[in-house]
Amino acid sequence: MIIEAYIREKVHSYYWEEDINCATVMLKILSELHDLNLDQRVVNSAIGMHGAGGFGAQCGLVEGSLMFIGIFGKENKLETEKIVDLCYCFAKEFEQKFSSLLCKQLRPQGFKSDNPPHLCEGLTNQAIKFTAEYLENNVKY
């Protein structure tokens, strides 16, 4: 499928050439897939969202997705209640698919200095595809 190849290529480029985190990668690729421009302040807000700066809290892939659902929902004139419901259902489905919303469980090696970089590249590819499909299947406009 062409979208999977696009996602893989973009994830790899963002991680290895630009060295940006998972939340930012999620926001950028979803915005590209939906032809939405992200304000630089939105991108900046995701700087520490990779498990709360490596703390292991909520995964940046989840946080980036939830941020994008809000942006995408408002761009498509969805009611706030609908966006909140989409976020709730997304989190529930993400947890069912990936077994957790927590970085420390999704990235069990944590953020140790001896870890190889970008351990979550494969998970990121899966999560972006999952989020793109979730939006396609659940946002009717």
N, C-alpha and C. Protein backbone atom coordinates (compact mmCIF):
# COMPACT_ATOMS: atom_id res chain seq x y z
N MET A 1 0.84 -1.18 0.00
CA MET A 1 0.00 0.00 0.00
C MET A 1 0.89 1.24 0.00
N ILE A 2 0.55 2.21 -0.83
CA ILE A 2 1.39 3.39 -1.01
C ILE A 2 1.51 4.21 0.27
N ILE A 3 0.45 4.34 1.05
CA ILE A 3 0.51 5.14 2.27
C ILE A 3 1.53 4.56 3.26
N GLU A 4 1.62 3.24 3.32
CA GLU A 4 2.59 2.61 4.23
C GLU A 4 4.01 2.94 3.81
N ALA A 5 4.29 2.92 2.52
CA ALA A 5 5.62 3.25 2.03
C ALA A 5 5.94 4.72 2.33
N TYR A 6 4.96 5.58 2.12
CA TYR A 6 5.14 7.01 2.41
C TYR A 6 5.44 7.20 3.89
N ILE A 7 4.65 6.56 4.75
CA ILE A 7 4.85 6.68 6.19
C ILE A 7 6.24 6.20 6.58
N ARG A 8 6.65 5.03 6.11
CA ARG A 8 7.98 4.50 6.44
C ARG A 8 9.08 5.46 6.03
N GLU A 9 8.97 6.00 4.82
CA GLU A 9 9.99 6.91 4.31
C GLU A 9 10.06 8.18 5.15
N LYS A 10 8.91 8.75 5.47
CA LYS A 10 8.86 10.00 6.23
C LYS A 10 9.33 9.78 7.68
N VAL A 11 8.89 8.70 8.30
CA VAL A 11 9.32 8.41 9.68
C VAL A 11 10.83 8.29 9.72
N HIS A 12 11.38 7.51 8.80
CA HIS A 12 12.83 7.31 8.78
C HIS A 12 13.56 8.65 8.60
N SER A 13 13.08 9.45 7.68
CA SER A 13 13.70 10.74 7.42
C SER A 13 13.62 11.66 8.64
N TYR A 14 12.45 11.76 9.23
CA TYR A 14 12.29 12.63 10.39
C TYR A 14 13.14 12.17 11.58
N TYR A 15 13.22 10.87 11.78
CA TYR A 15 14.02 10.37 12.89
C TYR A 15 15.52 10.52 12.62
N TRP A 16 15.98 10.03 11.50
CA TRP A 16 17.41 9.92 11.26
C TRP A 16 18.05 11.16 10.66
N GLU A 17 17.30 11.94 9.91
CA GLU A 17 17.88 13.15 9.31
C GLU A 17 17.60 14.40 10.13
N GLU A 18 16.40 14.46 10.76
CA GLU A 18 16.05 15.65 11.53
C GLU A 18 16.09 15.40 13.04
N ASP A 19 16.16 14.15 13.45
CA ASP A 19 16.26 13.77 14.85
C ASP A 19 15.16 14.39 15.71
N ILE A 20 13.92 14.29 15.23
CA ILE A 20 12.79 14.80 16.00
C ILE A 20 12.06 13.65 16.69
N ASN A 21 11.31 13.98 17.72
CA ASN A 21 10.68 12.94 18.53
C ASN A 21 9.39 12.39 17.91
N CYS A 22 8.88 11.36 18.55
CA CYS A 22 7.73 10.63 18.03
C CYS A 22 6.46 11.47 17.94
N ALA A 23 6.20 12.31 18.94
CA ALA A 23 4.99 13.14 18.91
C ALA A 23 5.04 14.11 17.73
N THR A 24 6.20 14.70 17.51
CA THR A 24 6.36 15.64 16.42
C THR A 24 6.26 14.94 15.07
N VAL A 25 6.86 13.76 14.99
CA VAL A 25 6.75 12.97 13.76
C VAL A 25 5.29 12.65 13.46
N MET A 26 4.55 12.24 14.48
CA MET A 26 3.13 11.94 14.32
C MET A 26 2.38 13.17 13.80
N LEU A 27 2.56 14.30 14.44
CA LEU A 27 1.88 15.53 14.02
C LEU A 27 2.24 15.91 12.59
N LYS A 28 3.52 15.87 12.26
CA LYS A 28 3.95 16.29 10.93
C LYS A 28 3.40 15.37 9.83
N ILE A 29 3.50 14.07 10.04
CA ILE A 29 3.04 13.16 8.98
C ILE A 29 1.52 13.20 8.84
N LEU A 30 0.80 13.23 9.94
CA LEU A 30 -0.66 13.32 9.82
C LEU A 30 -1.07 14.62 9.15
N SER A 31 -0.38 15.71 9.45
CA SER A 31 -0.71 16.98 8.80
C SER A 31 -0.40 16.91 7.31
N GLU A 32 0.68 16.24 6.94
CA GLU A 32 1.01 16.07 5.52
C GLU A 32 -0.04 15.21 4.82
N LEU A 33 -0.46 14.14 5.46
CA LEU A 33 -1.46 13.25 4.86
C LEU A 33 -2.79 13.97 4.64
N HIS A 34 -3.07 14.96 5.48
CA HIS A 34 -4.34 15.69 5.39
C HIS A 34 -4.19 17.11 4.86
N ASP A 35 -3.02 17.41 4.33
CA ASP A 35 -2.74 18.70 3.71
C ASP A 35 -3.12 19.87 4.63
N LEU A 36 -2.70 19.77 5.89
CA LEU A 36 -2.91 20.83 6.87
C LEU A 36 -1.57 21.43 7.26
N ASN A 37 -1.51 22.72 7.34
CA ASN A 37 -0.29 23.38 7.81
C ASN A 37 -0.33 23.48 9.33
N LEU A 38 0.78 23.11 9.95
CA LEU A 38 0.89 23.23 11.40
C LEU A 38 1.62 24.52 11.73
N ASP A 39 1.07 25.28 12.64
CA ASP A 39 1.75 26.45 13.16
C ASP A 39 3.00 25.99 13.89
N GLN A 40 4.07 26.74 13.78
CA GLN A 40 5.33 26.35 14.43
C GLN A 40 5.16 26.22 15.94
N ARG A 41 4.26 26.99 16.53
CA ARG A 41 4.03 26.88 17.98
C ARG A 41 3.45 25.51 18.34
N VAL A 42 2.64 24.95 17.46
CA VAL A 42 2.10 23.60 17.71
C VAL A 42 3.24 22.59 17.66
N VAL A 43 4.08 22.71 16.66
CA VAL A 43 5.24 21.82 16.55
C VAL A 43 6.14 21.97 17.79
N ASN A 44 6.37 23.20 18.20
CA ASN A 44 7.19 23.44 19.39
C ASN A 44 6.58 22.83 20.64
N SER A 45 5.26 22.82 20.72
CA SER A 45 4.61 22.28 21.92
C SER A 45 4.86 20.79 22.10
N ALA A 46 5.25 20.11 21.03
CA ALA A 46 5.48 18.66 21.08
C ALA A 46 6.93 18.29 21.40
N ILE A 47 7.78 19.26 21.62
CA ILE A 47 9.21 19.00 21.83
C ILE A 47 9.45 17.99 22.95
N GLY A 48 8.77 18.12 24.06
CA GLY A 48 9.01 17.22 25.19
C GLY A 48 8.01 16.09 25.33
N MET A 49 7.25 15.83 24.28
CA MET A 49 6.18 14.84 24.37
C MET A 49 6.60 13.44 23.98
N HIS A 50 7.77 13.06 24.23
CA HIS A 50 8.18 11.67 24.00
C HIS A 50 8.24 11.00 25.38
N GLY A 51 7.06 10.63 25.85
CA GLY A 51 6.98 10.02 27.18
C GLY A 51 7.28 11.01 28.28
N ALA A 52 6.85 12.27 28.10
CA ALA A 52 7.12 13.37 29.04
C ALA A 52 8.62 13.60 29.16
N GLY A 53 9.26 13.81 28.03
CA GLY A 53 10.69 14.11 28.02
C GLY A 53 11.55 12.92 28.36
N GLY A 54 11.04 11.72 28.10
CA GLY A 54 11.79 10.50 28.40
C GLY A 54 11.49 9.93 29.77
N PHE A 55 10.54 10.50 30.47
CA PHE A 55 10.15 10.02 31.80
C PHE A 55 9.44 8.67 31.73
N GLY A 56 8.80 8.39 30.61
CA GLY A 56 8.10 7.11 30.43
C GLY A 56 6.61 7.23 30.62
N ALA A 57 6.08 8.45 30.69
CA ALA A 57 4.65 8.66 30.87
C ALA A 57 3.92 8.38 29.55
N GLN A 58 2.81 9.04 29.31
CA GLN A 58 2.03 8.77 28.11
C GLN A 58 2.91 8.89 26.87
N CYS A 59 2.78 7.93 25.99
CA CYS A 59 3.57 7.86 24.77
C CYS A 59 3.33 9.07 23.87
N GLY A 60 4.40 9.60 23.30
CA GLY A 60 4.29 10.72 22.38
C GLY A 60 3.49 10.39 21.14
N LEU A 61 3.45 9.12 20.75
CA LEU A 61 2.63 8.73 19.60
C LEU A 61 1.15 8.93 19.91
N VAL A 62 0.77 8.69 21.15
CA VAL A 62 -0.60 8.93 21.59
C VAL A 62 -0.84 10.44 21.68
N GLU A 63 0.08 11.14 22.32
CA GLU A 63 -0.08 12.59 22.51
C GLU A 63 -0.15 13.32 21.17
N GLY A 64 0.73 12.97 20.25
CA GLY A 64 0.71 13.60 18.93
C GLY A 64 -0.59 13.31 18.20
N SER A 65 -1.08 12.09 18.33
CA SER A 65 -2.36 11.73 17.70
C SER A 65 -3.50 12.53 18.28
N LEU A 66 -3.54 12.62 19.61
CA LEU A 66 -4.63 13.36 20.26
C LEU A 66 -4.59 14.84 19.89
N MET A 67 -3.40 15.40 19.84
CA MET A 67 -3.28 16.79 19.41
C MET A 67 -3.80 16.95 17.98
N PHE A 68 -3.41 16.01 17.12
CA PHE A 68 -3.85 16.13 15.73
C PHE A 68 -5.36 15.95 15.61
N ILE A 69 -5.94 15.06 16.39
CA ILE A 69 -7.40 14.88 16.33
C ILE A 69 -8.10 16.19 16.65
N GLY A 70 -7.58 16.93 17.64
CA GLY A 70 -8.16 18.24 17.95
C GLY A 70 -8.01 19.22 16.82
N ILE A 71 -6.83 19.29 16.24
CA ILE A 71 -6.57 20.20 15.12
C ILE A 71 -7.44 19.83 13.93
N PHE A 72 -7.42 18.56 13.58
CA PHE A 72 -8.17 18.05 12.43
C PHE A 72 -9.67 18.25 12.64
N GLY A 73 -10.13 17.97 13.86
CA GLY A 73 -11.55 18.12 14.16
C GLY A 73 -12.01 19.56 13.99
N LYS A 74 -11.25 20.50 14.53
CA LYS A 74 -11.64 21.91 14.41
C LYS A 74 -11.55 22.39 12.96
N GLU A 75 -10.53 21.92 12.23
CA GLU A 75 -10.42 22.28 10.81
C GLU A 75 -11.63 21.79 10.01
N ASN A 76 -12.20 20.69 10.46
CA ASN A 76 -13.36 20.12 9.77
C ASN A 76 -14.68 20.47 10.45
N LYS A 77 -14.62 21.49 11.33
CA LYS A 77 -15.80 22.07 11.96
C LYS A 77 -16.60 21.07 12.80
N LEU A 78 -15.88 20.14 13.44
CA LEU A 78 -16.54 19.22 14.35
C LEU A 78 -16.79 19.92 15.68
N GLU A 79 -17.87 19.54 16.33
CA GLU A 79 -18.18 20.08 17.65
C GLU A 79 -17.15 19.58 18.65
N THR A 80 -16.92 20.38 19.66
CA THR A 80 -15.95 20.03 20.71
C THR A 80 -16.27 18.68 21.32
N GLU A 81 -17.54 18.43 21.60
CA GLU A 81 -17.95 17.15 22.21
C GLU A 81 -17.58 15.98 21.31
N LYS A 82 -17.72 16.15 20.01
CA LYS A 82 -17.36 15.09 19.06
C LYS A 82 -15.85 14.84 19.09
N ILE A 83 -15.08 15.91 19.16
CA ILE A 83 -13.62 15.77 19.21
C ILE A 83 -13.20 15.05 20.49
N VAL A 84 -13.80 15.43 21.60
CA VAL A 84 -13.50 14.77 22.87
C VAL A 84 -13.84 13.28 22.78
N ASP A 85 -14.98 12.96 22.20
CA ASP A 85 -15.37 11.56 22.03
C ASP A 85 -14.40 10.81 21.13
N LEU A 86 -13.97 11.45 20.04
CA LEU A 86 -12.99 10.84 19.14
C LEU A 86 -11.68 10.55 19.88
N CYS A 87 -11.25 11.48 20.73
CA CYS A 87 -10.01 11.28 21.50
C CYS A 87 -10.17 10.13 22.48
N TYR A 88 -11.29 10.06 23.16
CA TYR A 88 -11.55 8.98 24.12
C TYR A 88 -11.52 7.63 23.41
N CYS A 89 -12.27 7.54 22.32
CA CYS A 89 -12.34 6.27 21.58
C CYS A 89 -10.99 5.92 20.97
N PHE A 90 -10.26 6.93 20.50
CA PHE A 90 -8.92 6.67 19.96
C PHE A 90 -8.03 6.05 21.03
N ALA A 91 -8.01 6.65 22.21
CA ALA A 91 -7.16 6.13 23.29
C ALA A 91 -7.54 4.69 23.63
N LYS A 92 -8.81 4.42 23.67
CA LYS A 92 -9.29 3.07 23.98
C LYS A 92 -8.83 2.08 22.90
N GLU A 93 -9.00 2.45 21.64
CA GLU A 93 -8.61 1.56 20.54
C GLU A 93 -7.10 1.42 20.44
N PHE A 94 -6.36 2.51 20.69
CA PHE A 94 -4.90 2.44 20.68
C PHE A 94 -4.42 1.47 21.76
N GLU A 95 -4.99 1.59 22.93
CA GLU A 95 -4.60 0.70 24.04
C GLU A 95 -4.93 -0.75 23.72
N GLN A 96 -6.08 -0.99 23.09
CA GLN A 96 -6.43 -2.36 22.70
C GLN A 96 -5.45 -2.90 21.66
N LYS A 97 -5.07 -2.07 20.71
CA LYS A 97 -4.18 -2.50 19.62
C LYS A 97 -2.74 -2.70 20.10
N PHE A 98 -2.23 -1.75 20.90
CA PHE A 98 -0.81 -1.74 21.27
C PHE A 98 -0.55 -2.12 22.73
N SER A 99 -1.61 -2.45 23.46
CA SER A 99 -1.54 -2.94 24.85
C SER A 99 -1.24 -1.88 25.90
N SER A 100 -1.00 -0.65 25.51
CA SER A 100 -0.71 0.39 26.50
C SER A 100 -0.76 1.76 25.83
N LEU A 101 -0.87 2.78 26.68
CA LEU A 101 -0.71 4.17 26.25
C LEU A 101 0.59 4.74 26.79
N LEU A 102 1.27 3.96 27.61
CA LEU A 102 2.45 4.45 28.32
C LEU A 102 3.75 4.14 27.58
N CYS A 103 4.56 5.14 27.49
CA CYS A 103 5.86 5.01 26.85
C CYS A 103 6.70 3.93 27.53
N LYS A 104 6.70 3.89 28.85
CA LYS A 104 7.55 2.94 29.57
C LYS A 104 7.14 1.50 29.31
N GLN A 105 5.92 1.27 28.83
CA GLN A 105 5.50 -0.08 28.47
C GLN A 105 5.68 -0.33 26.97
N LEU A 106 5.46 0.67 26.17
CA LEU A 106 5.63 0.53 24.73
C LEU A 106 7.10 0.53 24.33
N ARG A 107 7.91 1.20 25.11
CA ARG A 107 9.36 1.28 24.87
C ARG A 107 10.04 0.75 26.14
N PRO A 108 9.98 -0.55 26.35
CA PRO A 108 10.43 -1.12 27.63
C PRO A 108 11.91 -0.89 27.95
N GLN A 109 12.72 -0.59 26.97
CA GLN A 109 14.12 -0.30 27.25
C GLN A 109 14.32 1.10 27.82
N GLY A 110 13.27 1.91 27.76
CA GLY A 110 13.36 3.26 28.29
C GLY A 110 14.23 4.16 27.45
N PHE A 111 14.83 5.15 28.09
CA PHE A 111 15.66 6.14 27.42
C PHE A 111 17.05 6.14 28.05
N LYS A 112 17.69 5.02 28.02
CA LYS A 112 19.04 4.91 28.60
C LYS A 112 20.07 5.40 27.58
N SER A 113 21.16 5.93 28.10
CA SER A 113 22.18 6.50 27.22
C SER A 113 22.81 5.47 26.29
N ASP A 114 22.77 4.19 26.66
CA ASP A 114 23.37 3.17 25.81
C ASP A 114 22.38 2.54 24.82
N ASN A 115 21.12 3.02 24.81
CA ASN A 115 20.15 2.53 23.83
C ASN A 115 20.50 3.04 22.44
N PRO A 116 20.28 2.23 21.44
CA PRO A 116 20.44 2.77 20.08
C PRO A 116 19.36 3.84 19.84
N PRO A 117 19.62 4.78 18.97
CA PRO A 117 18.63 5.82 18.71
C PRO A 117 17.39 5.29 17.99
N HIS A 118 16.31 5.97 18.20
CA HIS A 118 15.06 5.75 17.46
C HIS A 118 14.56 4.30 17.54
N LEU A 119 14.53 3.78 18.76
CA LEU A 119 14.05 2.41 18.99
C LEU A 119 12.60 2.21 18.55
N CYS A 120 11.85 3.27 18.51
CA CYS A 120 10.41 3.15 18.23
C CYS A 120 10.05 3.36 16.76
N GLU A 121 11.02 3.27 15.88
CA GLU A 121 10.72 3.54 14.46
C GLU A 121 9.64 2.60 13.93
N GLY A 122 9.75 1.31 14.21
CA GLY A 122 8.75 0.36 13.74
C GLY A 122 7.38 0.63 14.35
N LEU A 123 7.36 0.88 15.65
CA LEU A 123 6.11 1.20 16.34
C LEU A 123 5.51 2.49 15.79
N THR A 124 6.35 3.45 15.50
CA THR A 124 5.87 4.72 14.95
C THR A 124 5.18 4.49 13.61
N ASN A 125 5.77 3.69 12.75
CA ASN A 125 5.13 3.37 11.46
C ASN A 125 3.75 2.78 11.68
N GLN A 126 3.65 1.83 12.59
CA GLN A 126 2.36 1.18 12.88
C GLN A 126 1.36 2.17 13.47
N ALA A 127 1.82 3.00 14.39
CA ALA A 127 0.93 3.93 15.08
C ALA A 127 0.40 5.02 14.14
N ILE A 128 1.24 5.49 13.23
CA ILE A 128 0.77 6.50 12.28
C ILE A 128 -0.26 5.90 11.35
N LYS A 129 0.00 4.71 10.85
CA LYS A 129 -0.98 4.03 9.99
C LYS A 129 -2.29 3.81 10.76
N PHE A 130 -2.18 3.36 12.01
CA PHE A 130 -3.35 3.15 12.85
C PHE A 130 -4.15 4.45 13.01
N THR A 131 -3.46 5.53 13.30
CA THR A 131 -4.13 6.82 13.51
C THR A 131 -4.77 7.32 12.23
N ALA A 132 -4.07 7.21 11.12
CA ALA A 132 -4.62 7.65 9.83
C ALA A 132 -5.89 6.86 9.50
N GLU A 133 -5.86 5.56 9.73
CA GLU A 133 -7.04 4.73 9.48
C GLU A 133 -8.16 5.05 10.46
N TYR A 134 -7.80 5.33 11.71
CA TYR A 134 -8.81 5.70 12.70
C TYR A 134 -9.55 6.96 12.24
N LEU A 135 -8.81 7.96 11.81
CA LEU A 135 -9.44 9.19 11.33
C LEU A 135 -10.32 8.93 10.11
N GLU A 136 -9.79 8.16 9.18
CA GLU A 136 -10.54 7.85 7.96
C GLU A 136 -11.86 7.14 8.29
N ASN A 137 -11.82 6.24 9.26
CA ASN A 137 -13.00 5.45 9.61
C ASN A 137 -13.97 6.15 10.55
N ASN A 138 -13.52 7.17 11.26
CA ASN A 138 -14.35 7.74 12.32
C ASN A 138 -14.72 9.20 12.16
N VAL A 139 -14.10 9.90 11.23
CA VAL A 139 -14.44 11.30 11.03
C VAL A 139 -15.22 11.43 9.73
N LYS A 140 -16.47 11.76 9.90
CA LYS A 140 -17.35 11.96 8.74
C LYS A 140 -17.62 13.45 8.62
N TYR A 141 -17.28 14.01 7.47
CA TYR A 141 -17.48 15.45 7.29
C TYR A 141 -18.02 15.73 5.91
